[in-house]
Every structure is written in C-alpha cells, then in structure tokens.
C-alpha atoms as a PDB file:
ATOM      1  CA  MET A   1      87.849  95.525 100.541  1.00  0.00           C
ATOM      2  CA  GLY A   2      86.839  98.610 102.852  1.00  0.00           C
ATOM      3  CA  ARG A   3      89.160 100.726 104.634  1.00  0.00           C
ATOM      4  CA  ALA A   4      89.681 100.200 108.596  1.00  0.00           C
ATOM      5  CA  THR A   5      88.777 103.367 110.709  1.00  0.00           C
ATOM      6  CA  SER A   6      92.195 104.768 112.005  1.00  0.00           C
ATOM      7  CA  PRO A   7      93.544 108.160 113.356  1.00  0.00           C
ATOM      8  CA  VAL A   8      96.611 107.064 111.453  1.00  0.00           C
ATOM      9  CA  VAL A   9      96.955 108.194 107.884  1.00  0.00           C
ATOM     10  CA  ILE A  10      99.303 108.798 105.021  1.00  0.00           C
ATOM     11  CA  GLY A  11     100.578 112.337 105.024  1.00  0.00           C
ATOM     12  CA  LYS A  12     102.914 113.935 102.466  1.00  0.00           C
ATOM     13  CA  VAL A  13     104.680 111.910 100.112  1.00  0.00           C
ATOM     14  CA  GLN A  14     108.045 112.964  98.542  1.00  0.00           C
ATOM     15  CA  TYR A  15     108.051 110.414  95.585  1.00  0.00           C
ATOM     16  CA  ASP A  16     110.465 112.387  93.396  1.00  0.00           C
ATOM     17  CA  SER A  17     113.546 113.188  95.208  1.00  0.00           C
ATOM     18  CA  PRO A  18     114.829 116.655  94.335  1.00  0.00           C
ATOM     19  CA  GLY A  19     117.964 116.715  92.041  1.00  0.00           C
ATOM     20  CA  LYS A  20     119.378 113.974  89.853  1.00  0.00           C
ATOM     21  CA  ASP A  21     118.150 110.383  90.383  1.00  0.00           C
ATOM     22  CA  ASP A  22     121.873 109.129  90.908  1.00  0.00           C
ATOM     23  CA  ARG A  23     120.829 106.457  93.434  1.00  0.00           C
ATOM     24  CA  SER A  24     122.948 107.922  96.115  1.00  0.00           C
ATOM     25  CA  ASN A  25     121.879 107.453  99.655  1.00  0.00           C
ATOM     26  CA  TRP A  26     121.178 111.049  99.956  1.00  0.00           C
ATOM     27  CA  SER A  27     118.851 110.982  96.920  1.00  0.00           C
ATOM     28  CA  LEU A  28     117.214 107.663  98.077  1.00  0.00           C
ATOM     29  CA  ASN A  29     116.553 109.179 101.528  1.00  0.00           C
ATOM     30  CA  ALA A  30     114.997 112.448  99.775  1.00  0.00           C
ATOM     31  CA  GLU A  31     112.182 109.998  98.703  1.00  0.00           C
ATOM     32  CA  TRP A  32     109.888 109.549 101.550  1.00  0.00           C
ATOM     33  CA  VAL A  33     106.173 108.895 102.761  1.00  0.00           C
ATOM     34  CA  GLU A  34     104.980 110.657 105.919  1.00  0.00           C
ATOM     35  CA  VAL A  35     102.694 108.489 108.190  1.00  0.00           C
ATOM     36  CA  VAL A  36     100.742 110.908 110.659  1.00  0.00           C
ATOM     37  CA  ASN A  37      98.902 110.086 113.944  1.00  0.00           C
ATOM     38  CA  THR A  38      95.961 112.575 113.936  1.00  0.00           C
ATOM     39  CA  SER A  39      94.509 111.598 117.452  1.00  0.00           C
ATOM     40  CA  ARG A  40      96.084 112.578 120.808  1.00  0.00           C
ATOM     41  CA  HIS A  41      96.672 108.909 121.727  1.00  0.00           C
ATOM     42  CA  ALA A  42      99.800 106.952 120.928  1.00  0.00           C
ATOM     43  CA  VAL A  43      99.637 103.981 118.461  1.00  0.00           C
ATOM     44  CA  ASN A  44     102.222 101.291 118.074  1.00  0.00           C
ATOM     45  CA  LEU A  45     102.852 100.578 114.355  1.00  0.00           C
ATOM     46  CA  LYS A  46     104.759  97.145 114.984  1.00  0.00           C
ATOM     47  CA  GLY A  47     103.620  95.047 112.177  1.00  0.00           C
ATOM     48  CA  TRP A  48     102.151  97.538 109.899  1.00  0.00           C
ATOM     49  CA  THR A  49     103.312  97.825 106.398  1.00  0.00           C
ATOM     50  CA  LEU A  50     103.766 100.459 103.843  1.00  0.00           C
ATOM     51  CA  LYS A  51     103.697  99.379 100.058  1.00  0.00           C
ATOM     52  CA  ASP A  52     103.818 100.688  96.508  1.00  0.00           C
ATOM     53  CA  ALA A  53     101.969  99.452  93.510  1.00  0.00           C
ATOM     54  CA  ASP A  54     104.684  97.217  92.584  1.00  0.00           C
ATOM     55  CA  ARG A  55     104.403  95.499  96.154  1.00  0.00           C
ATOM     56  CA  HIS A  56     107.755  96.646  97.573  1.00  0.00           C
ATOM     57  CA  SER A  57     106.940  96.368 101.178  1.00  0.00           C
ATOM     58  CA  TYR A  58     108.136  98.100 104.245  1.00  0.00           C
ATOM     59  CA  ARG A  59     107.248  96.504 107.605  1.00  0.00           C
ATOM     60  CA  PHE A  60     107.409  98.698 110.712  1.00  0.00           C
ATOM     61  CA  GLY A  61     109.289  97.215 113.762  1.00  0.00           C
ATOM     62  CA  HIS A  62     108.233  98.468 117.290  1.00  0.00           C
ATOM     63  CA  LEU A  63     107.277 102.170 116.847  1.00  0.00           C
ATOM     64  CA  ARG A  64     105.160 104.116 119.175  1.00  0.00           C
ATOM     65  CA  LEU A  65     103.857 106.909 117.331  1.00  0.00           C
ATOM     66  CA  ALA A  66     102.685 109.506 119.688  1.00  0.00           C
ATOM     67  CA  GLY A  67      99.550 111.725 119.532  1.00  0.00           C
ATOM     68  CA  HIS A  68      99.804 114.200 116.520  1.00  0.00           C
ATOM     69  CA  GLN A  69     103.318 112.739 115.756  1.00  0.00           C
ATOM     70  CA  LYS A  70     104.470 111.844 112.158  1.00  0.00           C
ATOM     71  CA  VAL A  71     107.143 109.802 110.985  1.00  0.00           C
ATOM     72  CA  ARG A  72     108.847 109.698 107.600  1.00  0.00           C
ATOM     73  CA  VAL A  73     109.490 106.255 105.822  1.00  0.00           C
ATOM     74  CA  HIS A  74     112.732 106.870 103.744  1.00  0.00           C
ATOM     75  CA  THR A  75     113.895 104.658 101.022  1.00  0.00           C
ATOM     76  CA  GLY A  76     117.562 104.635 101.576  1.00  0.00           C
ATOM     77  CA  ILE A  77     119.830 103.476 104.586  1.00  0.00           C
ATOM     78  CA  GLY A  78     119.806 105.279 107.858  1.00  0.00           C
ATOM     79  CA  ARG A  79     119.465 104.941 111.567  1.00  0.00           C
ATOM     80  CA  ASP A  80     115.875 104.691 112.676  1.00  0.00           C
ATOM     81  CA  THR A  81     114.584 107.298 115.367  1.00  0.00           C
ATOM     82  CA  VAL A  82     111.112 108.385 116.526  1.00  0.00           C
ATOM     83  CA  ARG A  83     110.850 110.757 113.397  1.00  0.00           C
ATOM     84  CA  ASP A  84     112.561 109.027 110.688  1.00  0.00           C
ATOM     85  CA  VAL A  85     112.875 105.169 109.596  1.00  0.00           C
ATOM     86  CA  TYR A  86     114.606 103.739 106.636  1.00  0.00           C
ATOM     87  CA  GLN A  87     113.665 100.843 104.287  1.00  0.00           C
ATOM     88  CA  ASN A  88     117.367 100.340 103.846  1.00  0.00           C
ATOM     89  CA  ARG A  89     117.024 100.109  99.960  1.00  0.00           C
ATOM     90  CA  ARG A  90     119.600 100.769  97.368  1.00  0.00           C
ATOM     91  CA  ALA A  91     117.140 101.653  94.682  1.00  0.00           C
ATOM     92  CA  TYR A  92     113.969 103.906  94.422  1.00  0.00           C
ATOM     93  CA  VAL A  93     110.720 102.443  95.566  1.00  0.00           C
ATOM     94  CA  TRP A  94     108.195 105.436  94.519  1.00  0.00           C
ATOM     95  CA  ASP A  95     107.639 105.935  90.631  1.00  0.00           C
ATOM     96  CA  ASN A  96     107.829 109.522  89.768  1.00  0.00           C
ATOM     97  CA  TYR A  97     104.931 109.486  87.338  1.00  0.00           C
ATOM     98  CA  ARG A  98     102.321 107.225  88.861  1.00  0.00           C
ATOM     99  CA  ASP A  99     102.190 104.902  92.020  1.00  0.00           C
ATOM    100  CA  THR A 100      99.970 104.161  94.889  1.00  0.00           C
ATOM    101  CA  ALA A 101     101.196 104.188  98.605  1.00  0.00           C
ATOM    102  CA  THR A 102      99.294 101.663 100.955  1.00  0.00           C
ATOM    103  CA  LEU A 103      99.292 101.689 104.467  1.00  0.00           C
ATOM    104  CA  ARG A 104      97.979  98.634 106.367  1.00  0.00           C
ATOM    105  CA  ASN A 105      97.730  97.675 109.958  1.00  0.00           C
ATOM    106  CA  ASP A 106      99.002  94.659 111.729  1.00  0.00           C
ATOM    107  CA  HIS A 107      95.896  92.528 110.687  1.00  0.00           C
ATOM    108  CA  GLY A 108      96.489  93.546 106.938  1.00  0.00           C
ATOM    109  CA  ARG A 109      93.631  95.647 106.884  1.00  0.00           C
ATOM    110  CA  VAL A 110      93.980  98.845 104.457  1.00  0.00           C
ATOM    111  CA  ILE A 111      94.194 101.962 106.592  1.00  0.00           C
ATOM    112  CA  ASP A 112      94.838 104.606 103.809  1.00  0.00           C
ATOM    113  CA  THR A 113      96.050 104.925 100.367  1.00  0.00           C
ATOM    114  CA  GLU A 114      97.746 108.034  98.468  1.00  0.00           C
ATOM    115  CA  SER A 115      97.968 107.818  94.755  1.00  0.00           C
ATOM    116  CA  TRP A 116      99.426 110.132  92.215  1.00  0.00           C
ATOM    117  CA  GLY A 117      99.583 110.300  88.378  1.00  0.00           C
ATOM    118  CA  HIS A 118      97.057 108.516  86.063  1.00  0.00           C
ATOM    119  CA  ARG A 119      95.556 106.461  89.120  1.00  0.00           C
ATOM    120  CA  GLY A 120      95.062 109.286  91.396  1.00  0.00           C
ATOM    121  CA  HIS A 121      95.803 112.881  92.296  1.00  0.00           C
END
C-alpha cells in the first residue's frame, strides 16, 4: 500500500513521557504525537486516524488544521483545542522501546508513519 501525497505529516513524537510512568493524567498527557500541516492551506482532519502498532486508534473529530500549524495528540484526558487534542485514555499508548505511529486520512489511506526502536529510527 503506497502513501498518499499530503502536506500533513507526523512531526515530533514524545513516546516516553518524562519522569516516572505512574499512569497519572499528567504523565499520560506528556506522551504525544504532533501532526503538522506543512502547506499554507488549511486541512480538515475530520475522520483521520492515528494508530500505534498494537492498533490503538484515535479518530479526529472536526479539526481545521490551519496552514503551517501543528496539533499535539495527547494520550490522557483533557479539553480539545486547536493546538492540543486528547485521546481520553487511562493507559499509555506509545511503546517506549519500539512502535510505529501511522496517520491515515478519512479514506483510510496511509499519509505518514514514524517508527522508533528495532522497527525504525
């Protein structure tokens, strides 16, 4: 399956939240993935998904990502804004040692992936 051409990419990934992994909401929200719009045109991420290798999935609601803007997808609980959205989970998603983040558009096409550990960077 080939990647779709898109100005939207995965940016930075904070897969190992700083400090002790105590499953507190602070610690869960310190684990995040950035989704970046590299173009000058806005993109609506409604229906797009972000998944890990274990198939934990986050589906974006209506989110207009302005040109040259980024949004952080946090693991824990919080109030969504244009810069931060929350998966509302009570457990970690991203493996500290190896994992792959996959971003798909609303048609299910792979837009971008970012891997770390044995499977990647």
